[in-house]
N, C-alpha and C. Protein backbone atom coordinates (compact mmCIF):
# COMPACT_ATOMS: atom_id res chain seq x y z
N VAL A 1 -11.02 3.03 -23.31
CA VAL A 1 -9.94 3.61 -22.54
C VAL A 1 -10.40 4.91 -21.87
N ILE A 2 -11.05 5.76 -22.63
CA ILE A 2 -11.49 7.05 -22.12
C ILE A 2 -12.50 6.86 -20.99
N LEU A 3 -13.44 5.95 -21.20
CA LEU A 3 -14.45 5.69 -20.16
C LEU A 3 -13.80 5.28 -18.86
N HIS A 4 -12.82 4.39 -18.92
CA HIS A 4 -12.14 3.93 -17.70
C HIS A 4 -11.40 5.07 -17.00
N ILE A 5 -10.75 5.91 -17.78
CA ILE A 5 -10.02 7.03 -17.19
C ILE A 5 -10.99 7.97 -16.48
N VAL A 6 -12.06 8.30 -17.15
CA VAL A 6 -13.04 9.24 -16.57
C VAL A 6 -13.75 8.60 -15.38
N GLN A 7 -14.02 7.30 -15.45
CA GLN A 7 -14.63 6.62 -14.30
C GLN A 7 -13.73 6.74 -13.07
N ALA A 8 -12.46 6.47 -13.25
CA ALA A 8 -11.52 6.56 -12.13
C ALA A 8 -11.44 7.99 -11.60
N LEU A 9 -11.43 8.95 -12.49
CA LEU A 9 -11.41 10.36 -12.11
C LEU A 9 -12.62 10.70 -11.25
N ILE A 10 -13.79 10.31 -11.71
CA ILE A 10 -15.02 10.61 -10.97
C ILE A 10 -15.04 9.87 -9.63
N MET A 11 -14.56 8.66 -9.61
CA MET A 11 -14.52 7.90 -8.35
C MET A 11 -13.59 8.56 -7.33
N ILE A 12 -12.53 9.17 -7.81
CA ILE A 12 -11.62 9.88 -6.90
C ILE A 12 -12.31 11.11 -6.33
N LEU A 13 -12.93 11.89 -7.20
CA LEU A 13 -13.50 13.16 -6.78
C LEU A 13 -14.89 13.04 -6.15
N CYS A 14 -15.64 12.06 -6.57
CA CYS A 14 -17.03 11.87 -6.09
C CYS A 14 -17.22 10.41 -5.71
N PRO A 15 -16.69 9.98 -4.57
CA PRO A 15 -16.71 8.56 -4.20
C PRO A 15 -18.10 7.94 -4.17
N GLU A 16 -19.13 8.74 -3.95
CA GLU A 16 -20.48 8.21 -3.87
C GLU A 16 -21.17 8.11 -5.23
N ALA A 17 -20.52 8.60 -6.27
CA ALA A 17 -21.13 8.66 -7.60
C ALA A 17 -21.27 7.28 -8.24
N GLU A 18 -22.33 7.13 -9.00
CA GLU A 18 -22.52 5.96 -9.85
C GLU A 18 -21.96 6.32 -11.22
N CYS A 19 -20.97 5.56 -11.68
CA CYS A 19 -20.36 5.91 -12.98
C CYS A 19 -19.92 4.66 -13.73
N LYS A 20 -20.83 3.74 -13.89
CA LYS A 20 -20.51 2.49 -14.60
C LYS A 20 -20.73 2.59 -16.10
N THR A 21 -21.59 3.50 -16.54
CA THR A 21 -21.90 3.64 -17.97
C THR A 21 -21.60 5.06 -18.43
N TRP A 22 -21.54 5.24 -19.77
CA TRP A 22 -21.32 6.57 -20.31
C TRP A 22 -22.43 7.52 -19.91
N ALA A 23 -23.67 7.01 -19.86
CA ALA A 23 -24.80 7.85 -19.49
C ALA A 23 -24.61 8.41 -18.07
N GLN A 24 -24.12 7.59 -17.18
CA GLN A 24 -23.88 8.05 -15.81
C GLN A 24 -22.67 8.98 -15.74
N VAL A 25 -21.63 8.66 -16.49
CA VAL A 25 -20.39 9.45 -16.48
C VAL A 25 -20.63 10.85 -17.06
N LYS A 26 -21.41 10.93 -18.13
CA LYS A 26 -21.61 12.21 -18.82
C LYS A 26 -22.15 13.30 -17.91
N GLN A 27 -22.99 12.92 -16.95
CA GLN A 27 -23.59 13.95 -16.09
C GLN A 27 -22.57 14.65 -15.20
N TYR A 28 -21.39 14.04 -15.01
CA TYR A 28 -20.35 14.63 -14.16
C TYR A 28 -19.34 15.46 -14.94
N ILE A 29 -19.36 15.35 -16.25
CA ILE A 29 -18.37 16.06 -17.07
C ILE A 29 -18.85 17.48 -17.31
N ASN A 30 -18.29 18.38 -16.51
CA ASN A 30 -18.65 19.80 -16.60
C ASN A 30 -17.55 20.63 -15.93
N VAL A 31 -17.78 21.91 -15.83
CA VAL A 31 -16.80 22.82 -15.25
C VAL A 31 -16.55 22.48 -13.78
N ASP A 32 -17.59 22.02 -13.09
CA ASP A 32 -17.43 21.68 -11.67
C ASP A 32 -16.41 20.56 -11.47
N LEU A 33 -16.35 19.64 -12.41
CA LEU A 33 -15.37 18.55 -12.34
C LEU A 33 -13.95 19.12 -12.43
N LEU A 34 -13.75 20.06 -13.33
CA LEU A 34 -12.44 20.70 -13.46
C LEU A 34 -12.07 21.46 -12.19
N LYS A 35 -13.03 22.14 -11.60
CA LYS A 35 -12.78 22.87 -10.36
C LYS A 35 -12.42 21.90 -9.24
N ALA A 36 -13.14 20.77 -9.20
CA ALA A 36 -12.87 19.76 -8.17
C ALA A 36 -11.47 19.19 -8.35
N MET A 37 -11.05 18.96 -9.58
CA MET A 37 -9.69 18.47 -9.86
C MET A 37 -8.65 19.48 -9.37
N GLU A 38 -8.92 20.73 -9.63
CA GLU A 38 -7.99 21.79 -9.26
C GLU A 38 -7.83 21.89 -7.73
N GLU A 39 -8.91 21.67 -7.01
CA GLU A 39 -8.90 21.83 -5.55
C GLU A 39 -8.55 20.55 -4.81
N TYR A 40 -8.57 19.42 -5.48
CA TYR A 40 -8.38 18.13 -4.81
C TYR A 40 -6.95 17.97 -4.28
N GLN A 41 -6.85 17.49 -3.05
CA GLN A 41 -5.55 17.27 -2.43
C GLN A 41 -5.51 15.84 -1.85
N PRO A 42 -5.05 14.88 -2.63
CA PRO A 42 -5.07 13.49 -2.17
C PRO A 42 -4.20 13.25 -0.94
N ILE A 43 -3.23 14.09 -0.71
CA ILE A 43 -2.32 13.91 0.42
C ILE A 43 -3.06 14.09 1.75
N LEU A 44 -4.21 14.75 1.72
CA LEU A 44 -4.97 14.98 2.95
C LEU A 44 -5.90 13.83 3.32
N GLU A 45 -6.04 12.85 2.43
CA GLU A 45 -6.95 11.74 2.68
C GLU A 45 -6.19 10.53 3.23
N ASP A 46 -6.65 10.04 4.39
CA ASP A 46 -6.05 8.84 4.95
C ASP A 46 -6.65 7.58 4.35
N LYS A 47 -7.92 7.64 4.01
CA LYS A 47 -8.59 6.47 3.48
C LYS A 47 -9.62 6.92 2.45
N HIS A 48 -9.58 6.33 1.28
CA HIS A 48 -10.54 6.66 0.23
C HIS A 48 -11.46 5.47 0.03
N PRO A 49 -12.78 5.68 0.11
CA PRO A 49 -13.71 4.55 0.04
C PRO A 49 -13.69 3.78 -1.28
N GLN A 50 -13.25 4.40 -2.34
CA GLN A 50 -13.26 3.75 -3.65
C GLN A 50 -11.86 3.33 -4.13
N LEU A 51 -10.86 3.40 -3.28
CA LEU A 51 -9.49 3.17 -3.72
C LEU A 51 -9.32 1.82 -4.41
N HIS A 52 -9.87 0.77 -3.83
CA HIS A 52 -9.72 -0.56 -4.42
C HIS A 52 -10.31 -0.59 -5.84
N SER A 53 -11.48 -0.01 -6.01
CA SER A 53 -12.13 0.02 -7.33
C SER A 53 -11.35 0.88 -8.32
N ILE A 54 -10.81 1.98 -7.84
CA ILE A 54 -10.01 2.86 -8.71
C ILE A 54 -8.77 2.12 -9.20
N LEU A 55 -8.11 1.42 -8.30
CA LEU A 55 -6.90 0.66 -8.69
C LEU A 55 -7.25 -0.47 -9.65
N ASP A 56 -8.41 -1.10 -9.46
CA ASP A 56 -8.85 -2.15 -10.39
C ASP A 56 -9.07 -1.59 -11.79
N ILE A 57 -9.70 -0.42 -11.85
CA ILE A 57 -9.92 0.21 -13.16
C ILE A 57 -8.58 0.56 -13.81
N GLN A 58 -7.66 1.07 -13.02
CA GLN A 58 -6.35 1.44 -13.56
C GLN A 58 -5.60 0.24 -14.13
N LYS A 59 -5.79 -0.92 -13.51
CA LYS A 59 -5.11 -2.13 -14.01
C LYS A 59 -5.56 -2.46 -15.43
N ASP A 60 -6.80 -2.07 -15.77
CA ASP A 60 -7.34 -2.35 -17.09
C ASP A 60 -6.89 -1.35 -18.15
N ILE A 61 -6.20 -0.30 -17.72
CA ILE A 61 -5.74 0.74 -18.66
C ILE A 61 -4.23 0.64 -18.81
N SER A 62 -3.79 0.42 -20.02
CA SER A 62 -2.34 0.40 -20.22
C SER A 62 -1.89 1.76 -20.75
N LEU A 63 -0.71 2.14 -20.33
CA LEU A 63 -0.14 3.41 -20.78
C LEU A 63 -0.02 3.44 -22.30
N ASP A 64 0.33 2.30 -22.90
CA ASP A 64 0.44 2.23 -24.36
C ASP A 64 -0.90 2.54 -25.03
N GLU A 65 -1.98 1.98 -24.46
CA GLU A 65 -3.31 2.25 -25.02
C GLU A 65 -3.65 3.73 -24.96
N VAL A 66 -3.37 4.33 -23.83
CA VAL A 66 -3.68 5.75 -23.66
C VAL A 66 -2.90 6.58 -24.67
N TYR A 67 -1.63 6.31 -24.82
CA TYR A 67 -0.81 7.11 -25.72
C TYR A 67 -1.03 6.76 -27.18
N HIS A 68 -1.51 5.57 -27.47
CA HIS A 68 -1.75 5.19 -28.85
C HIS A 68 -3.14 5.62 -29.32
N HIS A 69 -4.16 5.43 -28.46
CA HIS A 69 -5.54 5.70 -28.87
C HIS A 69 -6.14 6.95 -28.26
N GLY A 70 -5.52 7.45 -27.21
CA GLY A 70 -6.11 8.57 -26.49
C GLY A 70 -5.73 9.92 -27.05
N SER A 71 -6.52 10.91 -26.71
CA SER A 71 -6.25 12.29 -27.10
C SER A 71 -5.31 12.91 -26.06
N LEU A 72 -4.89 14.12 -26.31
CA LEU A 72 -4.04 14.82 -25.35
C LEU A 72 -4.75 15.01 -24.01
N PRO A 73 -6.04 15.43 -24.00
CA PRO A 73 -6.74 15.52 -22.71
C PRO A 73 -6.81 14.18 -21.98
N ALA A 74 -6.99 13.10 -22.72
CA ALA A 74 -7.03 11.76 -22.09
C ALA A 74 -5.68 11.44 -21.45
N LYS A 75 -4.61 11.81 -22.10
CA LYS A 75 -3.27 11.58 -21.55
C LYS A 75 -3.08 12.36 -20.25
N PHE A 76 -3.53 13.62 -20.26
CA PHE A 76 -3.42 14.44 -19.05
C PHE A 76 -4.27 13.87 -17.92
N LEU A 77 -5.50 13.46 -18.24
CA LEU A 77 -6.38 12.89 -17.22
C LEU A 77 -5.80 11.59 -16.67
N PHE A 78 -5.26 10.78 -17.55
CA PHE A 78 -4.65 9.52 -17.11
C PHE A 78 -3.50 9.79 -16.15
N THR A 79 -2.68 10.76 -16.47
CA THR A 79 -1.55 11.12 -15.61
C THR A 79 -2.05 11.63 -14.26
N TRP A 80 -3.09 12.47 -14.27
CA TRP A 80 -3.65 13.01 -13.04
C TRP A 80 -4.22 11.89 -12.18
N VAL A 81 -5.00 11.00 -12.79
CA VAL A 81 -5.60 9.88 -12.06
C VAL A 81 -4.51 8.98 -11.49
N SER A 82 -3.49 8.70 -12.27
CA SER A 82 -2.39 7.85 -11.81
C SER A 82 -1.67 8.46 -10.63
N ALA A 83 -1.40 9.74 -10.71
CA ALA A 83 -0.70 10.42 -9.61
C ALA A 83 -1.55 10.41 -8.35
N CYS A 84 -2.82 10.77 -8.47
CA CYS A 84 -3.70 10.81 -7.30
C CYS A 84 -3.89 9.43 -6.68
N SER A 85 -4.12 8.43 -7.51
CA SER A 85 -4.35 7.08 -6.97
C SER A 85 -3.08 6.55 -6.30
N SER A 86 -1.93 6.91 -6.84
CA SER A 86 -0.68 6.49 -6.22
C SER A 86 -0.52 7.12 -4.84
N ILE A 87 -0.82 8.40 -4.74
CA ILE A 87 -0.74 9.09 -3.45
C ILE A 87 -1.75 8.49 -2.48
N LEU A 88 -2.98 8.25 -2.95
CA LEU A 88 -4.01 7.66 -2.09
C LEU A 88 -3.59 6.28 -1.60
N GLU A 89 -3.00 5.50 -2.49
CA GLU A 89 -2.55 4.16 -2.11
C GLU A 89 -1.45 4.23 -1.04
N HIS A 90 -0.51 5.13 -1.22
CA HIS A 90 0.56 5.30 -0.23
C HIS A 90 0.01 5.78 1.10
N ARG A 91 -0.94 6.70 1.07
CA ARG A 91 -1.57 7.19 2.30
C ARG A 91 -2.29 6.06 3.02
N ALA A 92 -3.00 5.23 2.27
CA ALA A 92 -3.73 4.10 2.86
C ALA A 92 -2.75 3.11 3.48
N ASN A 93 -1.66 2.83 2.79
CA ASN A 93 -0.65 1.91 3.33
C ASN A 93 0.01 2.48 4.59
N ASP A 94 0.27 3.79 4.59
CA ASP A 94 0.84 4.43 5.77
C ASP A 94 -0.12 4.34 6.95
N ALA A 95 -1.41 4.53 6.68
CA ALA A 95 -2.41 4.46 7.75
C ALA A 95 -2.50 3.04 8.31
N LYS A 96 -2.45 2.03 7.44
CA LYS A 96 -2.47 0.63 7.89
C LYS A 96 -1.24 0.33 8.75
N LYS A 97 -0.10 0.81 8.29
CA LYS A 97 1.15 0.58 9.01
C LYS A 97 1.09 1.22 10.40
N LEU A 98 0.54 2.43 10.48
CA LEU A 98 0.42 3.12 11.75
C LEU A 98 -0.49 2.35 12.72
N VAL A 99 -1.60 1.84 12.21
CA VAL A 99 -2.52 1.05 13.04
C VAL A 99 -1.82 -0.20 13.54
N PHE A 100 -1.11 -0.88 12.65
CA PHE A 100 -0.39 -2.10 13.01
C PHE A 100 0.66 -1.81 14.09
N GLU A 101 1.43 -0.74 13.89
CA GLU A 101 2.47 -0.38 14.86
C GLU A 101 1.87 0.00 16.21
N THR A 102 0.75 0.69 16.18
CA THR A 102 0.08 1.09 17.42
C THR A 102 -0.42 -0.13 18.18
N LYS A 103 -1.02 -1.08 17.46
CA LYS A 103 -1.50 -2.30 18.11
C LYS A 103 -0.35 -3.11 18.69
N ASN A 104 0.75 -3.21 17.98
CA ASN A 104 1.92 -3.93 18.48
C ASN A 104 2.48 -3.26 19.73
N LYS A 105 2.51 -1.94 19.73
CA LYS A 105 3.01 -1.23 20.91
C LYS A 105 2.10 -1.48 22.11
N GLN A 106 0.80 -1.48 21.87
CA GLN A 106 -0.15 -1.74 22.96
C GLN A 106 0.04 -3.15 23.50
N LEU A 107 0.25 -4.11 22.62
CA LEU A 107 0.49 -5.49 23.07
C LEU A 107 1.78 -5.58 23.88
N ASP A 108 2.81 -4.91 23.42
CA ASP A 108 4.09 -4.90 24.15
C ASP A 108 3.93 -4.25 25.53
N ASP A 109 3.19 -3.13 25.56
CA ASP A 109 2.95 -2.46 26.83
C ASP A 109 2.17 -3.34 27.80
N ASN A 110 1.19 -4.06 27.28
CA ASN A 110 0.39 -4.97 28.12
C ASN A 110 1.25 -6.10 28.67
N LYS A 111 2.16 -6.62 27.85
CA LYS A 111 3.06 -7.70 28.29
C LYS A 111 3.98 -7.19 29.40
N GLU A 112 4.49 -5.98 29.21
CA GLU A 112 5.38 -5.40 30.23
C GLU A 112 4.65 -5.17 31.55
N GLN A 113 3.42 -4.76 31.49
CA GLN A 113 2.64 -4.49 32.70
C GLN A 113 2.34 -5.80 33.45
N LYS A 114 2.16 -6.88 32.74
CA LYS A 114 1.87 -8.18 33.37
C LYS A 114 3.12 -8.80 33.97
N SER A 115 4.26 -8.40 33.49
CA SER A 115 5.52 -8.98 33.98
C SER A 115 5.92 -8.48 35.33
């Protein structure tokens, strides 16, 4: 459970990072990670390169598992990851919707011009 939470956390903050094993994850666990969490603003991102992978990892983590087996820091990290990934997902959906609406408007405009 902890590995999955930290993997998702690192993928949010360091999209280019390799974090499939504990050995890879451990190198990112330091004060800089905490600073990055503090400064991170998911609302400013329109598209996150790892969003699909982050959501897949989250599907493997149940809230019951976190609260039954996890420590207090794990619970806080899980909540932070959940909140950020939710915001990122909504931002990505909004961006897709905007592209779709823009393309539809362009098609409508082209039809009107031909008429």
